[in-house]
Structure formats: structure tokens, C-alpha cells
């Protein structure tokens, strides 16, 4: 299922961003006889190497359903003002209404900001593309997701 989802996602993202890396993680529990799998895709708006937003897309198959969870996190480095983060969030909510914002501050000394970043994230569930109807629904959902992700990367 993950392979088919990745093929559809790759096609959908091709017009909206550049895939930087794809990682397949498989974990096997030593205590329980279970295995989990996840695909992580790193996407940027363009092929430039400059400091730009980076999206991390996670694909998780749901254990008791023929479905997959798609989670996106877009990291915006260097936005220093709280007002700029609030404007970014408002613009992002126009694209994806249920997007959330996380601010990360790192200080090496009290009152001295060493690092600041803003992350937008959202997720949804899509059915496994096993019939023509669910394949069309899956493709439509991932096409809309890719378009939204591309717009969020360009904010």
C-alpha cells in the first residue's frame, strides 16, 4: 500500500515542489511481534540551495484499516517576529483551515535568542487505492494535498 501511495504522491508533487529525499523506515518490536512502516518525504519549493521552507511528509499505514495517514510539517527557518508568524498562520489557514502553528525558540543565555523557527502542520487520512473509486478518491485527495503543500511552501 505504501508503495502505491508514494507513486501517486510523487506524481502529485511533481508540479508543486522538488522532492529532496525519500526514506522508508521499518521498525520491528523486540517485545511484541509487530512491524511498523513509514515513508518520509522531504520537499522544497524549488531546487535552489538557499534557506527556504522545508516540508516533511509522513505516510503511515493505519493498522486496522485499509487507509493511510498523511501528515505534513512545513518548517520556516528564520522568521523572528511574532507578528510575522501570526501573519504566516493566517495566510496558511486560508489554504488549509485546520493547520496548526508551532513556534520554536532556542536560547543559549537568558534573553539571547540563538535560533527561532516556525512549523506549520496538518494531517488527513486517505483510503487505500484498491478499487477504481478509491483510486480516484485517493488521487484527488493527494492532488489537492500537493497543491496546498506547494502554496504553503511559497508563503
N, C-alpha and C. Protein backbone atom coordinates (compact mmCIF):
# COMPACT_ATOMS: atom_id res chain seq x y z
N UNK A 1 0.82 -1.19 0.00
CA UNK A 1 0.00 0.00 0.00
C UNK A 1 0.87 1.26 0.00
N UNK A 2 1.92 1.29 0.82
CA UNK A 2 2.76 2.48 0.89
C UNK A 2 3.41 2.78 -0.45
N UNK A 3 3.82 1.74 -1.17
CA UNK A 3 4.46 1.95 -2.46
C UNK A 3 3.50 2.62 -3.44
N UNK A 4 2.26 2.14 -3.48
CA UNK A 4 1.25 2.73 -4.39
C UNK A 4 0.96 4.18 -3.98
N UNK A 5 0.84 4.43 -2.67
CA UNK A 5 0.60 5.80 -2.19
C UNK A 5 1.76 6.71 -2.58
N UNK A 6 2.98 6.21 -2.47
CA UNK A 6 4.15 7.01 -2.80
C UNK A 6 4.19 7.32 -4.29
N UNK A 7 3.81 6.38 -5.13
CA UNK A 7 3.76 6.62 -6.57
C UNK A 7 2.78 7.74 -6.89
N UNK A 8 1.60 7.69 -6.29
CA UNK A 8 0.58 8.72 -6.53
C UNK A 8 1.06 10.07 -5.99
N UNK A 9 1.65 10.06 -4.80
CA UNK A 9 2.15 11.30 -4.20
C UNK A 9 3.28 11.89 -5.04
N UNK A 10 4.17 11.07 -5.54
CA UNK A 10 5.27 11.54 -6.39
C UNK A 10 4.72 12.26 -7.62
N UNK A 11 3.73 11.67 -8.27
CA UNK A 11 3.12 12.30 -9.44
C UNK A 11 2.43 13.61 -9.07
N UNK A 12 1.75 13.62 -7.93
CA UNK A 12 1.03 14.81 -7.50
C UNK A 12 1.98 15.95 -7.14
N UNK A 13 3.10 15.64 -6.49
CA UNK A 13 4.04 16.67 -6.06
C UNK A 13 4.89 17.22 -7.19
N UNK A 14 4.99 16.52 -8.29
CA UNK A 14 5.92 16.91 -9.36
C UNK A 14 5.68 18.33 -9.87
N UNK A 15 4.47 18.80 -9.87
CA UNK A 15 4.19 20.15 -10.35
C UNK A 15 4.19 21.21 -9.28
N UNK A 16 4.42 20.83 -8.02
CA UNK A 16 4.27 21.79 -6.91
C UNK A 16 5.51 21.94 -6.04
N UNK A 17 6.51 21.12 -6.25
CA UNK A 17 7.71 21.20 -5.44
C UNK A 17 8.76 20.22 -5.92
N UNK A 18 9.89 20.22 -5.22
CA UNK A 18 11.00 19.34 -5.55
C UNK A 18 11.21 18.37 -4.39
N UNK A 19 11.16 17.08 -4.69
CA UNK A 19 11.40 16.07 -3.67
C UNK A 19 12.91 15.98 -3.45
N UNK A 20 13.33 16.23 -2.21
CA UNK A 20 14.76 16.22 -1.87
C UNK A 20 15.23 14.84 -1.44
N UNK A 21 14.36 14.10 -0.75
CA UNK A 21 14.76 12.78 -0.25
C UNK A 21 13.52 11.98 0.10
N UNK A 22 13.63 10.67 0.01
CA UNK A 22 12.56 9.75 0.41
C UNK A 22 13.19 8.68 1.27
N UNK A 23 12.62 8.46 2.46
CA UNK A 23 13.16 7.48 3.40
C UNK A 23 12.05 6.51 3.79
N UNK A 24 12.35 5.23 3.70
CA UNK A 24 11.44 4.18 4.17
C UNK A 24 11.98 3.67 5.49
N UNK A 25 11.17 3.75 6.53
CA UNK A 25 11.57 3.24 7.84
C UNK A 25 10.72 2.03 8.18
N UNK A 26 11.38 0.99 8.63
CA UNK A 26 10.71 -0.20 9.11
C UNK A 26 11.23 -0.48 10.51
N UNK A 27 10.31 -0.64 11.44
CA UNK A 27 10.69 -0.94 12.82
C UNK A 27 10.01 -2.24 13.23
N UNK A 28 10.79 -3.08 13.88
CA UNK A 28 10.26 -4.34 14.37
C UNK A 28 10.42 -4.37 15.88
N UNK A 29 9.32 -4.57 16.58
CA UNK A 29 9.36 -4.60 18.04
C UNK A 29 10.01 -5.88 18.52
N UNK A 30 10.92 -5.76 19.48
CA UNK A 30 11.55 -6.94 20.06
C UNK A 30 10.66 -7.59 21.12
N UNK A 31 9.75 -6.81 21.70
CA UNK A 31 8.87 -7.33 22.74
C UNK A 31 7.56 -7.91 22.19
N UNK A 32 7.06 -7.30 21.14
CA UNK A 32 5.83 -7.78 20.53
C UNK A 32 6.13 -8.16 19.08
N UNK A 33 5.36 -9.06 18.56
CA UNK A 33 5.59 -9.49 17.18
C UNK A 33 4.84 -8.56 16.22
N UNK A 34 5.34 -7.34 16.11
CA UNK A 34 4.71 -6.40 15.19
C UNK A 34 5.78 -5.57 14.49
N UNK A 35 5.41 -5.14 13.31
CA UNK A 35 6.31 -4.33 12.50
C UNK A 35 5.56 -3.09 12.05
N UNK A 36 6.20 -1.94 12.10
CA UNK A 36 5.60 -0.70 11.61
C UNK A 36 6.44 -0.17 10.47
N UNK A 37 5.77 0.48 9.53
CA UNK A 37 6.44 1.05 8.37
C UNK A 37 5.99 2.50 8.21
N UNK A 38 6.87 3.29 7.65
CA UNK A 38 6.59 4.70 7.43
C UNK A 38 7.46 5.19 6.27
N UNK A 39 6.90 6.05 5.45
CA UNK A 39 7.68 6.72 4.41
C UNK A 39 7.74 8.19 4.78
N UNK A 40 8.95 8.77 4.71
CA UNK A 40 9.14 10.18 4.97
C UNK A 40 9.67 10.81 3.68
N UNK A 41 9.01 11.88 3.25
CA UNK A 41 9.38 12.57 2.02
C UNK A 41 9.73 14.01 2.38
N UNK A 42 10.88 14.49 1.91
CA UNK A 42 11.30 15.87 2.14
C UNK A 42 11.11 16.65 0.85
N UNK A 43 10.39 17.79 0.95
CA UNK A 43 10.01 18.56 -0.23
C UNK A 43 10.34 20.03 -0.01
N UNK A 44 10.88 20.69 -1.04
CA UNK A 44 11.08 22.14 -1.04
C UNK A 44 10.35 22.73 -2.24
N UNK A 45 10.22 24.05 -2.24
CA UNK A 45 9.51 24.71 -3.33
C UNK A 45 10.31 24.70 -4.62
N UNK A 46 11.64 24.77 -4.51
CA UNK A 46 12.48 24.82 -5.71
C UNK A 46 13.79 24.08 -5.45
N UNK A 47 14.58 23.95 -6.50
CA UNK A 47 15.85 23.23 -6.40
C UNK A 47 16.97 24.09 -5.84
N UNK A 48 16.70 25.35 -5.57
CA UNK A 48 17.73 26.23 -5.03
C UNK A 48 18.21 25.72 -3.68
N UNK A 49 19.48 25.98 -3.38
CA UNK A 49 20.05 25.54 -2.11
C UNK A 49 19.94 26.59 -1.01
N UNK A 50 19.29 27.71 -1.30
CA UNK A 50 19.18 28.77 -0.30
C UNK A 50 18.28 28.34 0.86
N UNK A 51 18.31 29.14 1.92
CA UNK A 51 17.48 28.84 3.09
C UNK A 51 16.02 29.08 2.70
N UNK A 52 15.26 28.01 2.64
CA UNK A 52 13.86 28.08 2.24
C UNK A 52 13.06 27.09 3.07
N UNK A 53 11.73 27.24 3.08
CA UNK A 53 10.91 26.30 3.84
C UNK A 53 11.11 24.86 3.37
N UNK A 54 11.05 23.94 4.32
CA UNK A 54 11.21 22.52 4.03
C UNK A 54 9.98 21.78 4.57
N UNK A 55 9.34 21.01 3.71
CA UNK A 55 8.20 20.20 4.13
C UNK A 55 8.65 18.77 4.36
N UNK A 56 8.18 18.20 5.45
CA UNK A 56 8.41 16.79 5.75
C UNK A 56 7.05 16.12 5.73
N UNK A 57 6.87 15.17 4.81
CA UNK A 57 5.59 14.48 4.65
C UNK A 57 5.79 13.05 5.14
N UNK A 58 4.94 12.63 6.07
CA UNK A 58 4.98 11.27 6.61
C UNK A 58 3.76 10.50 6.11
N UNK A 59 3.99 9.27 5.65
CA UNK A 59 2.91 8.36 5.25
C UNK A 59 2.94 7.18 6.21
N UNK A 60 1.84 6.99 6.95
CA UNK A 60 1.72 5.90 7.92
C UNK A 60 0.52 5.03 7.54
N UNK A 61 0.70 3.74 7.29
CA UNK A 61 -0.48 2.89 7.11
C UNK A 61 -1.16 2.70 8.46
N UNK A 62 -2.47 2.78 8.48
CA UNK A 62 -3.23 2.58 9.71
C UNK A 62 -3.42 1.09 9.93
N UNK A 63 -3.16 0.60 11.14
CA UNK A 63 -3.08 -0.85 11.38
C UNK A 63 -4.38 -1.62 11.14
N UNK A 64 -5.50 -1.10 11.55
CA UNK A 64 -6.74 -1.87 11.45
C UNK A 64 -7.67 -1.35 10.37
N UNK A 65 -7.14 -0.63 9.41
CA UNK A 65 -7.97 -0.08 8.34
C UNK A 65 -7.19 -0.10 7.03
N UNK A 66 -7.93 -0.11 5.95
CA UNK A 66 -7.30 -0.04 4.63
C UNK A 66 -7.13 1.43 4.28
N UNK A 67 -6.33 2.13 5.10
CA UNK A 67 -6.15 3.56 4.93
C UNK A 67 -4.74 3.96 5.33
N UNK A 68 -4.40 5.17 4.99
CA UNK A 68 -3.07 5.70 5.28
C UNK A 68 -3.22 7.12 5.81
N UNK A 69 -2.47 7.43 6.85
CA UNK A 69 -2.46 8.80 7.37
C UNK A 69 -1.34 9.56 6.68
N UNK A 70 -1.66 10.77 6.24
CA UNK A 70 -0.68 11.65 5.61
C UNK A 70 -0.52 12.84 6.53
N UNK A 71 0.72 13.06 6.98
CA UNK A 71 1.00 14.19 7.88
C UNK A 71 2.06 15.06 7.24
N UNK A 72 1.83 16.37 7.24
CA UNK A 72 2.79 17.31 6.67
C UNK A 72 3.24 18.30 7.72
N UNK A 73 4.53 18.56 7.75
CA UNK A 73 5.13 19.59 8.62
C UNK A 73 5.98 20.47 7.73
N UNK A 74 5.72 21.77 7.76
CA UNK A 74 6.49 22.72 6.97
C UNK A 74 7.26 23.61 7.92
N UNK A 75 8.59 23.55 7.84
CA UNK A 75 9.46 24.34 8.71
C UNK A 75 9.89 25.61 7.98
N UNK A 76 9.66 26.75 8.64
CA UNK A 76 10.06 28.05 8.12
C UNK A 76 11.19 28.58 8.99
N UNK A 77 12.41 28.51 8.53
CA UNK A 77 13.54 28.98 9.34
C UNK A 77 13.65 30.50 9.31
N UNK A 78 14.11 31.05 10.39
CA UNK A 78 14.50 32.45 10.42
C UNK A 78 13.42 33.50 10.60
N UNK A 79 12.16 33.17 10.72
CA UNK A 79 11.14 34.18 10.97
C UNK A 79 11.25 34.62 12.42
N UNK A 80 11.66 35.86 12.67
CA UNK A 80 12.00 36.29 14.02
C UNK A 80 10.85 36.98 14.75
N UNK A 81 10.00 37.64 14.07
CA UNK A 81 8.94 38.41 14.72
C UNK A 81 7.71 37.55 14.97
N UNK A 82 7.10 37.75 16.12
CA UNK A 82 5.85 37.05 16.44
C UNK A 82 4.74 37.50 15.50
N UNK A 83 4.77 38.77 15.09
CA UNK A 83 3.76 39.28 14.16
C UNK A 83 3.87 38.59 12.81
N UNK A 84 5.10 38.33 12.35
CA UNK A 84 5.30 37.63 11.08
C UNK A 84 4.77 36.21 11.17
N UNK A 85 4.97 35.54 12.30
CA UNK A 85 4.44 34.19 12.48
C UNK A 85 2.92 34.20 12.47
N UNK A 86 2.32 35.20 13.11
CA UNK A 86 0.85 35.30 13.12
C UNK A 86 0.31 35.54 11.71
N UNK A 87 0.97 36.38 10.93
CA UNK A 87 0.55 36.62 9.54
C UNK A 87 0.69 35.35 8.70
N UNK A 88 1.80 34.64 8.91
CA UNK A 88 2.03 33.38 8.19
C UNK A 88 0.91 32.39 8.49
N UNK A 89 0.54 32.28 9.77
CA UNK A 89 -0.51 31.35 10.16
C UNK A 89 -1.85 31.73 9.55
N UNK A 90 -2.17 33.01 9.55
CA UNK A 90 -3.43 33.46 8.95
C UNK A 90 -3.47 33.14 7.46
N UNK A 91 -2.38 33.39 6.76
CA UNK A 91 -2.33 33.08 5.33
C UNK A 91 -2.41 31.57 5.10
N UNK A 92 -1.78 30.79 5.96
CA UNK A 92 -1.81 29.33 5.84
C UNK A 92 -3.22 28.80 6.09
N UNK A 93 -3.94 29.39 7.03
CA UNK A 93 -5.31 28.93 7.34
C UNK A 93 -6.28 29.22 6.19
N UNK A 94 -5.94 30.17 5.33
CA UNK A 94 -6.75 30.40 4.13
C UNK A 94 -6.60 29.23 3.15
N UNK A 95 -5.44 28.58 3.18
CA UNK A 95 -5.17 27.46 2.29
C UNK A 95 -5.65 26.15 2.91
N UNK A 96 -5.27 25.90 4.17
CA UNK A 96 -5.66 24.68 4.90
C UNK A 96 -6.25 25.14 6.24
N UNK A 97 -7.58 25.14 6.36
CA UNK A 97 -8.22 25.69 7.56
C UNK A 97 -7.81 25.05 8.89
N UNK A 98 -7.46 23.77 8.90
CA UNK A 98 -7.13 23.11 10.17
C UNK A 98 -5.63 23.00 10.43
N UNK A 99 -4.84 23.87 9.80
CA UNK A 99 -3.39 23.86 10.01
C UNK A 99 -3.07 24.43 11.39
N UNK A 100 -2.05 23.87 12.03
CA UNK A 100 -1.63 24.39 13.33
C UNK A 100 -0.22 24.97 13.21
N UNK A 101 0.14 25.85 14.15
CA UNK A 101 1.42 26.52 14.13
C UNK A 101 2.16 26.24 15.43
N UNK A 102 3.45 25.94 15.32
CA UNK A 102 4.31 25.74 16.48
C UNK A 102 5.50 26.67 16.32
N UNK A 103 5.80 27.42 17.38
CA UNK A 103 6.99 28.27 17.38
C UNK A 103 8.06 27.60 18.23
N UNK A 104 9.29 27.65 17.73
CA UNK A 104 10.40 27.05 18.47
C UNK A 104 11.46 28.12 18.70
N UNK A 105 11.78 28.34 19.97
CA UNK A 105 12.83 29.29 20.33
C UNK A 105 13.92 28.55 21.07
N UNK A 106 15.17 28.87 20.73
CA UNK A 106 16.31 28.26 21.41
C UNK A 106 17.20 29.38 21.91
N UNK A 107 17.43 29.40 23.20
CA UNK A 107 18.28 30.42 23.82
C UNK A 107 19.48 29.75 24.46
N UNK A 108 20.65 30.33 24.23
CA UNK A 108 21.87 29.82 24.86
C UNK A 108 22.12 30.51 26.20
N UNK A 109 21.65 31.74 26.31
CA UNK A 109 21.72 32.52 27.54
C UNK A 109 20.37 33.17 27.75
N UNK A 110 20.01 33.50 28.98
CA UNK A 110 18.72 34.16 29.22
C UNK A 110 18.58 35.45 28.39
N UNK A 111 17.49 35.52 27.63
CA UNK A 111 17.21 36.70 26.84
C UNK A 111 17.97 36.80 25.52
N UNK A 112 18.85 35.85 25.22
CA UNK A 112 19.62 35.87 23.98
C UNK A 112 19.11 34.75 23.07
N UNK A 113 18.40 35.14 22.03
CA UNK A 113 17.81 34.18 21.11
C UNK A 113 18.88 33.67 20.14
N UNK A 114 19.11 32.37 20.14
CA UNK A 114 20.11 31.77 19.25
C UNK A 114 19.47 31.18 18.00
N UNK A 115 18.26 30.71 18.12
CA UNK A 115 17.58 30.07 16.99
C UNK A 115 16.09 30.26 17.16
N UNK A 116 15.41 30.47 16.03
CA UNK A 116 13.96 30.63 16.05
C UNK A 116 13.41 29.98 14.80
N UNK A 117 12.33 29.28 14.93
CA UNK A 117 11.70 28.66 13.78
C UNK A 117 10.21 28.52 13.97
N UNK A 118 9.50 28.45 12.86
CA UNK A 118 8.06 28.28 12.87
C UNK A 118 7.74 27.02 12.06
N UNK A 119 6.84 26.20 12.57
CA UNK A 119 6.41 24.98 11.88
C UNK A 119 4.89 24.99 11.74
N UNK A 120 4.43 24.77 10.53
CA UNK A 120 3.00 24.55 10.28
C UNK A 120 2.81 23.06 10.07
N UNK A 121 1.71 22.51 10.59
CA UNK A 121 1.46 21.09 10.36
C UNK A 121 -0.02 20.81 10.25
N UNK A 122 -0.33 19.76 9.50
CA UNK A 122 -1.70 19.28 9.35
C UNK A 122 -1.64 17.83 8.89
N UNK A 123 -2.75 17.13 9.01
CA UNK A 123 -2.79 15.72 8.59
C UNK A 123 -4.20 15.37 8.13
N UNK A 124 -4.29 14.24 7.43
CA UNK A 124 -5.58 13.70 6.98
C UNK A 124 -5.40 12.22 6.70
N UNK A 125 -6.49 11.53 6.50
CA UNK A 125 -6.47 10.09 6.23
C UNK A 125 -7.07 9.86 4.84
N UNK A 126 -6.42 8.99 4.08
CA UNK A 126 -6.90 8.64 2.74
C UNK A 126 -7.01 7.12 2.65
N UNK A 127 -8.04 6.66 1.95
CA UNK A 127 -8.27 5.22 1.80
C UNK A 127 -7.26 4.60 0.84
N UNK A 128 -7.00 3.32 1.07
CA UNK A 128 -6.08 2.57 0.20
C UNK A 128 -6.65 2.52 -1.22
N UNK A 129 -5.82 2.81 -2.23
CA UNK A 129 -6.30 2.81 -3.62
C UNK A 129 -6.38 1.40 -4.20
N UNK A 130 -7.42 0.63 -3.83
CA UNK A 130 -7.52 -0.75 -4.30
C UNK A 130 -8.62 -0.96 -5.34
N UNK A 131 -9.57 -0.04 -5.45
CA UNK A 131 -10.60 -0.11 -6.48
C UNK A 131 -10.52 1.17 -7.30
N UNK A 132 -11.23 1.19 -8.43
CA UNK A 132 -11.21 2.39 -9.27
C UNK A 132 -11.75 3.60 -8.53
N UNK A 133 -12.81 3.39 -7.72
CA UNK A 133 -13.41 4.50 -6.98
C UNK A 133 -12.47 5.05 -5.91
N UNK A 134 -11.87 4.15 -5.10
CA UNK A 134 -10.96 4.62 -4.07
C UNK A 134 -9.67 5.14 -4.68
N UNK A 135 -9.25 4.60 -5.83
CA UNK A 135 -8.06 5.10 -6.52
C UNK A 135 -8.30 6.54 -6.97
N UNK A 136 -9.47 6.83 -7.52
CA UNK A 136 -9.81 8.19 -7.95
C UNK A 136 -9.89 9.13 -6.76
N UNK A 137 -10.49 8.66 -5.66
CA UNK A 137 -10.59 9.48 -4.45
C UNK A 137 -9.21 9.76 -3.87
N UNK A 138 -8.37 8.74 -3.83
CA UNK A 138 -7.01 8.88 -3.30
C UNK A 138 -6.22 9.85 -4.16
N UNK A 139 -6.29 9.70 -5.46
CA UNK A 139 -5.56 10.59 -6.37
C UNK A 139 -6.04 12.03 -6.21
N UNK A 140 -7.35 12.23 -6.10
CA UNK A 140 -7.90 13.57 -5.93
C UNK A 140 -7.44 14.19 -4.60
N UNK A 141 -7.47 13.41 -3.52
CA UNK A 141 -7.04 13.90 -2.21
C UNK A 141 -5.56 14.26 -2.22
N UNK A 142 -4.72 13.42 -2.84
CA UNK A 142 -3.29 13.70 -2.88
C UNK A 142 -2.94 14.83 -3.84
N UNK A 143 -3.72 14.99 -4.92
CA UNK A 143 -3.51 16.14 -5.82
C UNK A 143 -3.82 17.45 -5.08
N UNK A 144 -4.92 17.47 -4.33
CA UNK A 144 -5.28 18.66 -3.56
C UNK A 144 -4.23 18.93 -2.48
N UNK A 145 -3.77 17.87 -1.82
CA UNK A 145 -2.73 17.99 -0.81
C UNK A 145 -1.46 18.59 -1.40
N UNK A 146 -1.02 18.08 -2.55
CA UNK A 146 0.19 18.57 -3.20
C UNK A 146 0.06 20.04 -3.59
N UNK A 147 -1.11 20.43 -4.10
CA UNK A 147 -1.33 21.83 -4.45
C UNK A 147 -1.26 22.71 -3.21
N UNK A 148 -1.91 22.29 -2.13
CA UNK A 148 -1.88 23.06 -0.88
C UNK A 148 -0.46 23.13 -0.32
N UNK A 149 0.26 22.02 -0.35
CA UNK A 149 1.63 21.99 0.15
C UNK A 149 2.51 22.94 -0.65
N UNK A 150 2.37 22.94 -1.96
CA UNK A 150 3.13 23.86 -2.81
C UNK A 150 2.86 25.31 -2.47
N UNK A 151 1.59 25.63 -2.22
CA UNK A 151 1.25 27.01 -1.84
C UNK A 151 1.82 27.36 -0.47
N UNK A 152 1.79 26.43 0.47
CA UNK A 152 2.34 26.68 1.80
C UNK A 152 3.85 26.86 1.75
N UNK A 153 4.53 26.14 0.90
CA UNK A 153 5.98 26.28 0.76
C UNK A 153 6.38 27.63 0.18
N UNK A 154 5.47 28.26 -0.55
CA UNK A 154 5.78 29.53 -1.19
C UNK A 154 5.32 30.75 -0.39
N UNK A 155 4.75 30.53 0.77
CA UNK A 155 4.30 31.66 1.61
C UNK A 155 5.48 32.49 2.09
